[in-house]
Amino acid sequence: MADPHYDWEDLTPGFTFTTKSRHVSKEEIIEFASEYDPQPFHLDEEAAKDSILGGLCASGWHSCCIAMRLVADDFYPHCTPLGSPGIEETRWKRPLFAGESVSVTLEVTESRASKSRPALGLTRFLWTMKNKADDVIMTSDCWVMLARRPNEKKGAA
């Protein structure tokens, strides 16, 4: 059976897709934080234990990058994303601790044809990153531009 392909028309409100799971290591957390977010609770296990977060955890920005990678690897090969006009909101709900595995569920919450570019449609997704225990790590509400089916590109809608 061939992998599914989704055009903009297929991604209507209520559609969901869940990525594969990804393990996040202590080393990866420290490496990312060393470069981009060098705060003690992202760099040092002992300092992290004494912090408000309670243990070594990924930067929120690292969580966003992990989510993007999961979506790019597992969902985007099944559709034709053309970029994003922006993120409405991202929320970090709880720390992503070293040793956890996470996946991302995308849910379509809104969809509309582009007024200025008939070859594309805009889809609003709610991304929800969860760990294996089903705890929500982060959410991101964002728009993605997607290719429309060739026979459905009928002028500006």
Protein backbone atom coordinates (compact mmCIF):
# COMPACT_ATOMS: atom_id res chain seq x y z
CA MET A 1 0.00 0.00 0.00
CA ALA A 2 1.37 3.39 -1.00
CA ASP A 3 1.92 6.11 1.56
CA PRO A 4 -0.91 8.64 1.62
CA HIS A 5 -0.54 12.04 0.00
CA TYR A 6 -2.54 14.99 1.28
CA ASP A 7 -3.37 18.04 -0.75
CA TRP A 8 -4.72 21.17 0.90
CA GLU A 9 -8.26 20.00 0.09
CA ASP A 10 -7.74 16.84 2.18
CA LEU A 11 -6.73 18.72 5.32
CA THR A 12 -10.07 19.87 6.65
CA PRO A 13 -10.89 20.83 10.25
CA GLY A 14 -10.77 17.75 12.46
CA PHE A 15 -8.05 15.96 10.44
CA THR A 16 -5.29 14.63 12.71
CA PHE A 17 -1.88 13.08 12.18
CA THR A 18 0.55 11.80 14.82
CA THR A 19 4.28 11.57 14.17
CA LYS A 20 6.57 8.80 15.23
CA SER A 21 8.13 9.00 18.67
CA ARG A 22 11.61 10.41 19.34
CA HIS A 23 13.84 9.88 22.38
CA VAL A 24 15.51 13.01 23.79
CA SER A 25 18.87 12.37 25.47
CA LYS A 26 20.68 14.27 28.19
CA GLU A 27 23.58 14.86 25.79
CA GLU A 28 21.30 16.37 23.14
CA ILE A 29 19.70 18.71 25.68
CA ILE A 30 23.08 19.92 26.93
CA GLU A 31 24.45 20.33 23.41
CA PHE A 32 21.49 22.44 22.26
CA ALA A 33 21.49 24.53 25.44
CA SER A 34 25.25 25.10 25.26
CA GLU A 35 24.79 26.68 21.85
CA TYR A 36 21.42 28.44 22.13
CA ASP A 37 19.99 28.62 25.67
CA PRO A 38 22.77 28.29 28.27
CA GLN A 39 20.71 28.33 31.45
CA PRO A 40 21.73 26.06 34.37
CA PHE A 41 18.60 23.87 34.27
CA HIS A 42 19.41 23.01 30.63
CA LEU A 43 23.13 22.45 31.20
CA ASP A 44 23.77 20.90 34.61
CA GLU A 45 21.89 17.99 36.24
CA GLU A 46 22.64 19.11 39.81
CA ALA A 47 21.68 22.72 39.20
CA ALA A 48 18.54 21.52 37.41
CA LYS A 49 17.47 19.36 40.40
CA ASP A 50 17.52 22.45 42.61
CA SER A 51 15.64 24.60 40.08
CA ILE A 52 11.93 25.25 39.85
CA LEU A 53 11.88 22.73 36.96
CA GLY A 54 13.16 19.86 39.12
CA GLY A 55 15.53 18.23 36.67
CA LEU A 56 17.56 18.55 33.49
CA CYS A 57 15.16 19.58 30.75
CA ALA A 58 15.20 20.80 27.19
CA SER A 59 14.93 24.46 26.36
CA GLY A 60 11.48 25.40 25.11
CA TRP A 61 13.19 26.41 21.88
CA HIS A 62 14.73 22.95 21.68
CA SER A 63 11.24 21.44 22.10
CA CYS A 64 10.06 23.58 19.18
CA CYS A 65 12.96 22.35 17.03
CA ILE A 66 12.22 18.72 17.95
CA ALA A 67 8.56 19.23 17.04
CA MET A 68 9.52 20.77 13.70
CA ARG A 69 11.87 17.88 12.94
CA LEU A 70 9.20 15.29 13.74
CA VAL A 71 6.67 17.04 11.52
CA ALA A 72 9.21 17.54 8.70
CA ASP A 73 10.24 13.88 8.81
CA ASP A 74 6.86 12.22 9.30
CA PHE A 75 4.10 14.49 7.96
CA TYR A 76 5.56 16.83 5.36
CA PRO A 77 6.65 13.99 3.03
CA HIS A 78 2.91 13.22 2.66
CA CYS A 79 1.90 16.70 1.51
CA THR A 80 3.31 19.76 -0.21
CA PRO A 81 4.06 22.45 2.37
CA LEU A 82 5.03 25.80 0.86
CA GLY A 83 6.12 27.63 3.99
CA SER A 84 4.36 29.34 6.85
CA PRO A 85 3.09 32.87 7.29
CA GLY A 86 3.58 32.56 11.03
CA ILE A 87 2.79 31.12 14.43
CA GLU A 88 -0.17 32.42 16.38
CA GLU A 89 0.98 31.07 19.76
CA THR A 90 3.34 28.54 21.30
CA ARG A 91 2.95 27.36 24.88
CA TRP A 92 5.36 25.31 26.92
CA LYS A 93 3.09 23.34 29.25
CA ARG A 94 5.66 21.29 31.18
CA PRO A 95 9.38 20.58 30.91
CA LEU A 96 10.70 18.03 28.45
CA PHE A 97 13.06 16.03 30.66
CA ALA A 98 16.14 14.12 29.59
CA GLY A 99 15.29 10.53 28.74
CA GLU A 100 11.72 11.17 27.65
CA SER A 101 10.30 10.19 24.27
CA VAL A 102 7.88 12.50 22.51
CA SER A 103 5.62 12.65 19.46
CA VAL A 104 3.58 15.43 17.91
CA THR A 105 -0.09 15.31 16.95
CA LEU A 106 -1.22 17.82 14.35
CA GLU A 107 -4.89 18.77 14.24
CA VAL A 108 -6.38 20.95 11.54
CA THR A 109 -8.45 23.68 13.18
CA GLU A 110 -9.11 25.98 10.22
CA SER A 111 -8.61 26.04 6.47
CA ARG A 112 -9.09 28.62 3.74
CA ALA A 113 -8.10 29.17 0.14
CA SER A 114 -5.57 31.88 -0.52
CA LYS A 115 -7.14 35.07 -1.87
CA SER A 116 -4.00 36.19 -3.66
CA ARG A 117 -2.48 32.85 -4.74
CA PRO A 118 -5.02 30.38 -6.15
CA ALA A 119 -2.43 27.57 -6.30
CA LEU A 120 -2.28 27.37 -2.50
CA GLY A 121 -4.43 27.08 0.54
CA LEU A 122 -3.79 28.03 4.14
CA THR A 123 -4.25 25.50 6.91
CA ARG A 124 -4.18 26.25 10.62
CA PHE A 125 -2.76 23.45 12.74
CA LEU A 126 -2.61 22.89 16.46
CA TRP A 127 0.59 20.96 17.17
CA THR A 128 0.60 19.09 20.47
CA MET A 129 3.79 17.46 21.73
CA LYS A 130 3.25 14.71 24.30
CA ASN A 131 5.45 12.24 26.11
CA LYS A 132 4.74 8.49 26.42
CA ALA A 133 2.64 9.13 29.57
CA ASP A 134 0.41 11.42 27.47
CA ASP A 135 1.57 14.56 29.31
CA VAL A 136 1.40 17.66 27.11
CA ILE A 137 4.87 19.18 26.76
CA MET A 138 4.01 22.00 24.37
CA THR A 139 1.43 23.29 21.92
CA SER A 140 1.85 25.48 18.87
CA ASP A 141 -0.93 27.12 16.89
CA CYS A 142 0.38 27.84 13.42
CA TRP A 143 -0.52 28.34 9.78
CA VAL A 144 0.99 26.41 6.88
CA MET A 145 0.63 27.15 3.18
CA LEU A 146 -0.05 24.00 1.17
CA ALA A 147 -0.34 23.20 -2.53
CA ARG A 148 -3.85 22.78 -3.91
CA ARG A 149 -4.91 20.12 -6.39
CA PRO A 150 -4.27 21.36 -9.94
CA ASN A 151 -7.91 21.00 -11.03
CA GLU A 152 -9.13 22.99 -7.99
CA LYS A 153 -7.03 26.15 -8.52
CA LYS A 154 -9.97 28.19 -9.81
CA GLY A 155 -9.13 31.82 -9.38
CA ALA A 156 -9.00 33.62 -6.07
CA ALA A 157 -11.48 32.32 -3.55
